[in-house]
Amino acid sequence: MNPDYQQGQLSSLQAAIRHLESEANCDGMMVHLVDHPYIDPQLVGVMLRHFNEAKHLIVVPRHHGKRGHPVIFSRALFAELLNAPIDQGAKDVVNAHRGETLEIDTEDVGITLDIDTPELYRQHVKGE
């Protein structure tokens, strides 16, 4: 639960991190935004495999050069994410670790499909 949800998306990520920090066997976390409903489960499997094998700090999918969601963050970044500027979200942390980020190219356009309005919902989810 995030009692500070009004502070924005990063506050929810931080609430999750505070919970996960107590989990000794947690190597990282996958952040999958609710407004990105078209994520291919096979892509998630590929991302998890690469994260576990390659030990990058961040794993992110990329469609035609554009990064999308979900994103995997290593536990090594939890402290940085907890201390990130609340108004910047996780972007500061992601940008600070470009050299330690694995970008996985995919043809899955769902990684960039952000459904934020009722019109987009009807268009993409209901097929109107």
N, C-alpha and C. Protein backbone atom coordinates (compact mmCIF):
# COMPACT_ATOMS: atom_id res chain seq x y z
N MET A 1 0.83 -1.18 0.00
CA MET A 1 0.00 0.00 0.00
C MET A 1 0.88 1.25 0.00
N ASN A 2 0.45 2.23 -0.74
CA ASN A 2 1.18 3.50 -0.79
C ASN A 2 0.28 4.61 -0.25
N PRO A 3 0.47 5.00 1.00
CA PRO A 3 -0.35 6.07 1.56
C PRO A 3 -0.03 7.44 0.94
N ASP A 4 1.09 7.54 0.24
CA ASP A 4 1.52 8.81 -0.36
C ASP A 4 1.34 8.83 -1.87
N TYR A 5 0.37 8.09 -2.38
CA TYR A 5 0.20 7.97 -3.83
C TYR A 5 0.02 9.31 -4.53
N GLN A 6 -0.48 10.31 -3.81
CA GLN A 6 -0.69 11.63 -4.42
C GLN A 6 0.62 12.27 -4.85
N GLN A 7 1.73 11.79 -4.31
CA GLN A 7 3.04 12.35 -4.67
C GLN A 7 3.52 11.86 -6.03
N GLY A 8 2.83 10.91 -6.60
CA GLY A 8 3.18 10.46 -7.94
C GLY A 8 3.71 9.05 -8.01
N GLN A 9 4.05 8.68 -9.22
CA GLN A 9 4.44 7.31 -9.55
C GLN A 9 5.66 6.83 -8.75
N LEU A 10 6.65 7.70 -8.59
CA LEU A 10 7.85 7.29 -7.87
C LEU A 10 7.52 6.90 -6.43
N SER A 11 6.56 7.57 -5.81
CA SER A 11 6.22 7.23 -4.42
C SER A 11 5.69 5.80 -4.34
N SER A 12 4.99 5.35 -5.35
CA SER A 12 4.52 3.95 -5.36
C SER A 12 5.67 2.99 -5.56
N LEU A 13 6.60 3.34 -6.44
CA LEU A 13 7.79 2.51 -6.64
C LEU A 13 8.58 2.43 -5.34
N GLN A 14 8.71 3.54 -4.63
CA GLN A 14 9.44 3.56 -3.37
C GLN A 14 8.74 2.71 -2.31
N ALA A 15 7.42 2.74 -2.27
CA ALA A 15 6.68 1.89 -1.33
C ALA A 15 6.96 0.41 -1.61
N ALA A 16 7.01 0.05 -2.87
CA ALA A 16 7.31 -1.34 -3.24
C ALA A 16 8.74 -1.70 -2.84
N ILE A 17 9.67 -0.79 -3.06
CA ILE A 17 11.07 -1.06 -2.71
C ILE A 17 11.21 -1.26 -1.20
N ARG A 18 10.57 -0.42 -0.41
CA ARG A 18 10.65 -0.57 1.05
C ARG A 18 10.15 -1.95 1.47
N HIS A 19 9.14 -2.45 0.79
CA HIS A 19 8.64 -3.79 1.09
C HIS A 19 9.65 -4.85 0.65
N LEU A 20 10.19 -4.70 -0.55
CA LEU A 20 11.10 -5.71 -1.10
C LEU A 20 12.45 -5.75 -0.40
N GLU A 21 12.87 -4.66 0.21
CA GLU A 21 14.16 -4.64 0.89
C GLU A 21 14.26 -5.70 1.99
N SER A 22 13.14 -6.08 2.55
CA SER A 22 13.14 -7.09 3.61
C SER A 22 13.20 -8.52 3.06
N GLU A 23 13.08 -8.65 1.76
CA GLU A 23 13.11 -9.97 1.13
C GLU A 23 14.56 -10.32 0.75
N ALA A 24 15.17 -11.22 1.49
CA ALA A 24 16.59 -11.55 1.28
C ALA A 24 16.87 -12.12 -0.10
N ASN A 25 15.92 -12.84 -0.67
CA ASN A 25 16.16 -13.48 -1.97
C ASN A 25 15.70 -12.62 -3.15
N CYS A 26 15.45 -11.35 -2.94
CA CYS A 26 15.01 -10.45 -4.01
C CYS A 26 16.24 -9.83 -4.67
N ASP A 27 16.44 -10.14 -5.95
CA ASP A 27 17.57 -9.59 -6.71
C ASP A 27 17.23 -8.30 -7.43
N GLY A 28 15.93 -8.03 -7.58
CA GLY A 28 15.52 -6.84 -8.31
C GLY A 28 14.01 -6.79 -8.37
N MET A 29 13.53 -5.83 -9.16
CA MET A 29 12.08 -5.71 -9.32
C MET A 29 11.74 -5.34 -10.76
N MET A 30 10.63 -5.87 -11.24
CA MET A 30 10.13 -5.51 -12.54
C MET A 30 8.99 -4.51 -12.34
N VAL A 31 9.10 -3.40 -13.03
CA VAL A 31 8.08 -2.36 -12.95
C VAL A 31 7.25 -2.42 -14.23
N HIS A 32 5.99 -2.75 -14.05
CA HIS A 32 5.06 -2.87 -15.18
C HIS A 32 3.89 -1.94 -14.91
N LEU A 33 3.79 -0.89 -15.67
CA LEU A 33 2.75 0.10 -15.45
C LEU A 33 1.39 -0.41 -15.91
N VAL A 34 0.37 -0.08 -15.15
CA VAL A 34 -0.97 -0.56 -15.42
C VAL A 34 -1.52 0.00 -16.74
N ASP A 35 -1.03 1.15 -17.16
CA ASP A 35 -1.54 1.74 -18.40
C ASP A 35 -0.79 1.25 -19.64
N HIS A 36 -0.02 0.17 -19.49
CA HIS A 36 0.64 -0.50 -20.60
C HIS A 36 0.16 -1.96 -20.62
N PRO A 37 -1.07 -2.20 -21.07
CA PRO A 37 -1.66 -3.53 -20.94
C PRO A 37 -1.20 -4.57 -21.97
N TYR A 38 -0.52 -4.14 -23.00
CA TYR A 38 -0.19 -5.07 -24.08
C TYR A 38 1.26 -5.51 -24.03
N ILE A 39 1.66 -6.13 -22.95
CA ILE A 39 3.02 -6.64 -22.82
C ILE A 39 2.98 -8.14 -23.07
N ASP A 40 3.82 -8.59 -23.97
CA ASP A 40 3.89 -10.00 -24.34
C ASP A 40 4.58 -10.79 -23.23
N PRO A 41 3.92 -11.81 -22.68
CA PRO A 41 4.54 -12.62 -21.63
C PRO A 41 5.88 -13.24 -22.06
N GLN A 42 6.02 -13.55 -23.34
CA GLN A 42 7.30 -14.10 -23.81
C GLN A 42 8.42 -13.07 -23.67
N LEU A 43 8.11 -11.80 -23.93
CA LEU A 43 9.10 -10.75 -23.75
C LEU A 43 9.51 -10.65 -22.28
N VAL A 44 8.55 -10.76 -21.38
CA VAL A 44 8.86 -10.73 -19.95
C VAL A 44 9.83 -11.86 -19.61
N GLY A 45 9.58 -13.04 -20.15
CA GLY A 45 10.48 -14.18 -19.92
C GLY A 45 11.88 -13.91 -20.44
N VAL A 46 11.99 -13.33 -21.63
CA VAL A 46 13.29 -12.99 -22.20
C VAL A 46 14.00 -11.98 -21.31
N MET A 47 13.28 -10.96 -20.86
CA MET A 47 13.87 -9.94 -20.00
C MET A 47 14.38 -10.55 -18.70
N LEU A 48 13.58 -11.40 -18.08
CA LEU A 48 13.99 -12.03 -16.83
C LEU A 48 15.22 -12.92 -17.02
N ARG A 49 15.24 -13.66 -18.12
CA ARG A 49 16.40 -14.52 -18.40
C ARG A 49 17.67 -13.68 -18.55
N HIS A 50 17.58 -12.61 -19.32
CA HIS A 50 18.75 -11.74 -19.51
C HIS A 50 19.17 -11.08 -18.20
N PHE A 51 18.21 -10.65 -17.40
CA PHE A 51 18.53 -10.03 -16.12
C PHE A 51 19.28 -11.02 -15.23
N ASN A 52 18.80 -12.25 -15.16
CA ASN A 52 19.43 -13.25 -14.31
C ASN A 52 20.79 -13.70 -14.82
N GLU A 53 20.97 -13.72 -16.13
CA GLU A 53 22.23 -14.19 -16.71
C GLU A 53 23.28 -13.09 -16.80
N ALA A 54 22.89 -11.91 -17.23
CA ALA A 54 23.85 -10.86 -17.55
C ALA A 54 24.16 -9.94 -16.38
N LYS A 55 23.29 -9.88 -15.39
CA LYS A 55 23.50 -9.06 -14.20
C LYS A 55 23.64 -7.57 -14.49
N HIS A 56 22.90 -7.07 -15.46
CA HIS A 56 22.85 -5.63 -15.70
C HIS A 56 22.02 -4.98 -14.59
N LEU A 57 22.27 -3.69 -14.35
CA LEU A 57 21.51 -2.98 -13.32
C LEU A 57 20.08 -2.69 -13.76
N ILE A 58 19.92 -2.50 -15.08
CA ILE A 58 18.59 -2.20 -15.64
C ILE A 58 18.42 -3.00 -16.92
N VAL A 59 17.23 -3.54 -17.10
CA VAL A 59 16.87 -4.21 -18.36
C VAL A 59 15.59 -3.55 -18.84
N VAL A 60 15.62 -3.10 -20.10
CA VAL A 60 14.48 -2.37 -20.66
C VAL A 60 14.26 -2.81 -22.11
N PRO A 61 13.01 -2.98 -22.52
CA PRO A 61 12.75 -3.32 -23.92
C PRO A 61 12.79 -2.06 -24.79
N ARG A 62 13.09 -2.27 -26.07
CA ARG A 62 13.16 -1.16 -27.02
C ARG A 62 12.49 -1.57 -28.32
N HIS A 63 11.58 -0.72 -28.79
CA HIS A 63 10.87 -0.96 -30.04
C HIS A 63 11.23 0.14 -31.03
N HIS A 64 11.92 -0.25 -32.09
CA HIS A 64 12.36 0.72 -33.11
C HIS A 64 13.05 1.92 -32.49
N GLY A 65 13.95 1.65 -31.55
CA GLY A 65 14.75 2.70 -30.92
C GLY A 65 14.11 3.39 -29.74
N LYS A 66 12.84 3.11 -29.46
CA LYS A 66 12.15 3.77 -28.35
C LYS A 66 12.01 2.81 -27.17
N ARG A 67 12.49 3.25 -26.03
CA ARG A 67 12.37 2.44 -24.82
C ARG A 67 10.92 2.38 -24.35
N GLY A 68 10.59 1.27 -23.67
CA GLY A 68 9.23 1.11 -23.17
C GLY A 68 9.20 0.42 -21.83
N HIS A 69 8.11 -0.27 -21.57
CA HIS A 69 7.88 -0.97 -20.30
C HIS A 69 7.54 -2.42 -20.60
N PRO A 70 7.81 -3.29 -19.67
CA PRO A 70 8.25 -3.10 -18.30
C PRO A 70 9.76 -2.84 -18.22
N VAL A 71 10.23 -2.47 -17.03
CA VAL A 71 11.63 -2.22 -16.77
C VAL A 71 12.02 -3.05 -15.54
N ILE A 72 13.20 -3.66 -15.61
CA ILE A 72 13.72 -4.39 -14.45
C ILE A 72 14.84 -3.56 -13.84
N PHE A 73 14.75 -3.36 -12.52
CA PHE A 73 15.79 -2.66 -11.76
C PHE A 73 16.46 -3.65 -10.81
N SER A 74 17.78 -3.66 -10.81
CA SER A 74 18.53 -4.48 -9.87
C SER A 74 18.35 -3.96 -8.45
N ARG A 75 18.44 -4.84 -7.51
CA ARG A 75 18.39 -4.46 -6.09
C ARG A 75 19.48 -3.43 -5.77
N ALA A 76 20.58 -3.47 -6.50
CA ALA A 76 21.68 -2.53 -6.28
C ALA A 76 21.24 -1.08 -6.49
N LEU A 77 20.12 -0.86 -7.16
CA LEU A 77 19.62 0.49 -7.42
C LEU A 77 18.53 0.92 -6.44
N PHE A 78 18.14 0.06 -5.53
CA PHE A 78 17.04 0.39 -4.63
C PHE A 78 17.32 1.67 -3.83
N ALA A 79 18.52 1.82 -3.29
CA ALA A 79 18.84 3.02 -2.49
C ALA A 79 18.75 4.27 -3.34
N GLU A 80 19.25 4.20 -4.58
CA GLU A 80 19.16 5.36 -5.48
C GLU A 80 17.71 5.71 -5.79
N LEU A 81 16.91 4.70 -6.04
CA LEU A 81 15.50 4.94 -6.33
C LEU A 81 14.77 5.53 -5.13
N LEU A 82 15.15 5.10 -3.94
CA LEU A 82 14.53 5.65 -2.73
C LEU A 82 14.91 7.11 -2.51
N ASN A 83 16.07 7.50 -3.02
CA ASN A 83 16.55 8.87 -2.83
C ASN A 83 16.38 9.75 -4.06
N ALA A 84 15.73 9.25 -5.09
CA ALA A 84 15.55 10.02 -6.33
C ALA A 84 14.58 11.17 -6.09
N PRO A 85 14.75 12.27 -6.82
CA PRO A 85 13.81 13.40 -6.69
C PRO A 85 12.38 12.94 -7.04
N ILE A 86 11.46 13.18 -6.15
CA ILE A 86 10.09 12.68 -6.30
C ILE A 86 9.44 13.19 -7.58
N ASP A 87 9.82 14.39 -8.02
CA ASP A 87 9.20 14.96 -9.22
C ASP A 87 9.82 14.44 -10.51
N GLN A 88 10.92 13.71 -10.43
CA GLN A 88 11.59 13.19 -11.63
C GLN A 88 11.28 11.73 -11.90
N GLY A 89 10.72 11.05 -10.94
CA GLY A 89 10.47 9.63 -11.12
C GLY A 89 11.77 8.86 -11.17
N ALA A 90 11.74 7.71 -11.81
CA ALA A 90 12.92 6.86 -11.90
C ALA A 90 13.84 7.28 -13.04
N LYS A 91 13.44 8.27 -13.82
CA LYS A 91 14.23 8.67 -15.00
C LYS A 91 15.65 9.08 -14.65
N ASP A 92 15.84 9.80 -13.54
CA ASP A 92 17.19 10.20 -13.15
C ASP A 92 18.08 8.99 -12.93
N VAL A 93 17.55 7.98 -12.28
CA VAL A 93 18.32 6.77 -12.01
C VAL A 93 18.61 6.03 -13.31
N VAL A 94 17.61 5.91 -14.16
CA VAL A 94 17.80 5.25 -15.46
C VAL A 94 18.87 5.98 -16.28
N ASN A 95 18.78 7.30 -16.34
CA ASN A 95 19.74 8.08 -17.13
C ASN A 95 21.15 8.00 -16.55
N ALA A 96 21.28 7.86 -15.24
CA ALA A 96 22.59 7.77 -14.61
C ALA A 96 23.27 6.44 -14.86
N HIS A 97 22.53 5.46 -15.34
CA HIS A 97 23.09 4.12 -15.52
C HIS A 97 22.94 3.60 -16.94
N ARG A 98 23.04 4.48 -17.90
CA ARG A 98 22.91 4.07 -19.31
C ARG A 98 23.93 3.00 -19.69
N GLY A 99 25.14 3.11 -19.16
CA GLY A 99 26.19 2.15 -19.49
C GLY A 99 25.99 0.79 -18.85
N GLU A 100 25.12 0.71 -17.87
CA GLU A 100 24.85 -0.54 -17.17
C GLU A 100 23.44 -1.05 -17.46
N THR A 101 22.89 -0.57 -18.58
CA THR A 101 21.53 -0.92 -18.98
C THR A 101 21.57 -1.83 -20.19
N LEU A 102 20.81 -2.89 -20.13
CA LEU A 102 20.65 -3.78 -21.28
C LEU A 102 19.33 -3.43 -21.95
N GLU A 103 19.41 -3.02 -23.21
CA GLU A 103 18.21 -2.75 -24.00
C GLU A 103 17.94 -3.96 -24.87
N ILE A 104 16.75 -4.48 -24.79
CA ILE A 104 16.36 -5.66 -25.57
C ILE A 104 15.45 -5.21 -26.69
N ASP A 105 15.91 -5.37 -27.92
CA ASP A 105 15.10 -4.99 -29.08
C ASP A 105 13.95 -5.98 -29.25
N THR A 106 12.79 -5.44 -29.56
CA THR A 106 11.60 -6.26 -29.74
C THR A 106 10.71 -5.65 -30.81
N GLU A 107 9.92 -6.47 -31.43
CA GLU A 107 8.90 -6.00 -32.37
C GLU A 107 7.56 -5.79 -31.65
N ASP A 108 7.56 -5.97 -30.34
CA ASP A 108 6.36 -5.84 -29.53
C ASP A 108 6.05 -4.36 -29.31
N VAL A 109 5.14 -3.80 -30.10
CA VAL A 109 4.76 -2.38 -29.99
C VAL A 109 4.06 -2.10 -28.66
N GLY A 110 3.57 -3.13 -28.00
CA GLY A 110 2.87 -2.95 -26.73
C GLY A 110 3.73 -2.32 -25.65
N ILE A 111 5.05 -2.41 -25.78
CA ILE A 111 5.92 -1.83 -24.75
C ILE A 111 5.84 -0.31 -24.72
N THR A 112 5.41 0.29 -25.82
CA THR A 112 5.32 1.75 -25.89
C THR A 112 3.87 2.25 -25.92
N LEU A 113 2.93 1.33 -25.93
CA LEU A 113 1.52 1.70 -26.00
C LEU A 113 1.00 2.09 -24.62
N ASP A 114 0.80 3.37 -24.42
CA ASP A 114 0.40 3.96 -23.14
C ASP A 114 -1.07 4.38 -23.25
N ILE A 115 -1.93 3.73 -22.49
CA ILE A 115 -3.36 4.00 -22.57
C ILE A 115 -3.77 4.83 -21.36
N ASP A 116 -3.89 6.15 -21.57
CA ASP A 116 -4.16 7.08 -20.48
C ASP A 116 -5.52 7.75 -20.52
N THR A 117 -6.27 7.56 -21.58
CA THR A 117 -7.55 8.26 -21.70
C THR A 117 -8.66 7.25 -22.04
N PRO A 118 -9.90 7.61 -21.75
CA PRO A 118 -11.01 6.73 -22.14
C PRO A 118 -11.05 6.49 -23.65
N GLU A 119 -10.68 7.51 -24.43
CA GLU A 119 -10.68 7.37 -25.89
C GLU A 119 -9.66 6.32 -26.34
N LEU A 120 -8.45 6.38 -25.77
CA LEU A 120 -7.43 5.39 -26.12
C LEU A 120 -7.83 4.00 -25.64
N TYR A 121 -8.47 3.94 -24.49
CA TYR A 121 -8.95 2.66 -23.98
C TYR A 121 -9.94 2.04 -24.97
N ARG A 122 -10.91 2.84 -25.39
CA ARG A 122 -11.91 2.31 -26.34
C ARG A 122 -11.25 1.90 -27.65
N GLN A 123 -10.30 2.68 -28.10
CA GLN A 123 -9.63 2.41 -29.36
C GLN A 123 -8.83 1.11 -29.31
N HIS A 124 -8.05 0.93 -28.26
CA HIS A 124 -7.12 -0.20 -28.21
C HIS A 124 -7.67 -1.43 -27.52
N VAL A 125 -8.40 -1.24 -26.44
CA VAL A 125 -8.88 -2.38 -25.68
C VAL A 125 -10.19 -2.91 -26.24
N LYS A 126 -11.08 -2.02 -26.57
CA LYS A 126 -12.38 -2.45 -27.08
C LYS A 126 -12.40 -2.54 -28.61
N GLY A 127 -11.37 -2.03 -29.28
CA GLY A 127 -11.29 -2.14 -30.72
C GLY A 127 -12.23 -1.19 -31.46
N GLU A 128 -12.61 -0.08 -30.85
CA GLU A 128 -13.50 0.87 -31.52
C GLU A 128 -12.74 1.77 -32.45
